[in-house]
């Protein structure tokens, strides 16, 4: 139905679906007038409409009048200077040094948006994700009105394209607006109307969730295939002797940090111990089940979260665990996999070992000698050669993962401080992306991001599977 909305001196007709909650209508109003949903106040015949209300209690009909109260937030200004792309320049203005650049440009900070910029730069390092977004474009053209998730996915695709071809730092203005529309938590403001710093892990998780949601129903979910981690949790109730198994799909592997955690694999092992309360059929009540999880599916790209923040009640903010926890450039997950997956990994791991040995100059083992040698004067039987395969066998996971990107935090709280990304390039070098400034760094600099002080410390790690 169409309703009549009056906002100050402005009148507008807006589509309202009475079957959907008021917060959905507020999102539609946000698109029309720019007032953030959390700043909107709706009045119907003098009664305030709450987000959880049912429209039926207000007897809203086609043509009903609704009053909107609320002011437009001060939003970041669109870039005054138009983005310059390589193909837009005349031949005589194309700098060969820029053309041959080996790394991506940075992202402008639009006011405490380093959490978003660092997330985007890390995910931009996944070429398969870029390809998936290109395929999404053709699907979107056949669709109808895009959902919030699809709008964010489309904005991600556009931003990725800009990063790929721009010669100057890119302004993520449109992406930021769509992100805040989909997830209003990222539009929170503090004193003076300044946009607040946000948790980069929440931005990462929400973005990946929206991307995955956009590809659902397409037969094959590329985002799930790229980042999905299959796990099986084995639960045992010591009180009743009951056992059970629970399978799940996750998109982040946790690294819990305790007073005894010194290395990444120790924190992962700690996080995979999943004790929980569950209903006991034998006891007919809730009981404690001790749980231990194993990995059943390995993704091409593994996201690891260093669980450095916890909510501190007295100061009402996410406090930070500063403990130093080292992480490797090459991570081996074999011991965290279940027995079935371990069996599948043995052959690829052996192929990797042989390849590594060959690359290290170690001679391969000599082939086993034939049981009998051809006698002098006798013809030697030569077996027919087998035809070469038309295509090489597909490579398989080895359980090894190579570090590709690191998102770090500097400061004492997740909702303050500064986020930076560190991304490995195609030639093996590393670049630190401090918003719009790319800085070449060495691998030793990456290993120093393990924490233990007030320097940048790893918060999210992105690993790429080593295949063989």
Foldseek 3Di string as FASTA:
>chain_A
DWEWEDEPPDIDIDDDDLVAFVLVVLLRVCVVPVFQSVFKWKAFPRDTGDRPDRCVVSVDDHHGYMYIYGDHADFQDDDPDDFDFQVVDDPVPRDPCLVPDFDWFFAADRAQCLLVRQLLVQVLQDVLLLVVLVVLVVVVVPDDDDDLLSLLSVLSNVVSVCRVTTSAHHYSRSNLVSLCSSPVVQCDADPPSGGFHAFSVVVNVVNLVSQQVSCPPVVDRSSCQAQWWKKKKWWAFPVPGDIDIDIDIDREQEFEDDPPAAERVNRSQVSQFDWDWDADPVVRGIGIITIGMATADDHQKYKYFYPFWDQDVVVGFTFGHQDFYFYDQKDACLVRHDPVVNVVQPVFLVVVVVVVCVVVVHDDDDDDDDPDDDDPPDDDDDDDDDDDDPDDDDWDFNRMWGWAKFWWFADTGSRDGGIWMWGQTPVRWIWIHRRRDTDTDHPVVVRVQRGDDRDIHTGMTMIGTDID
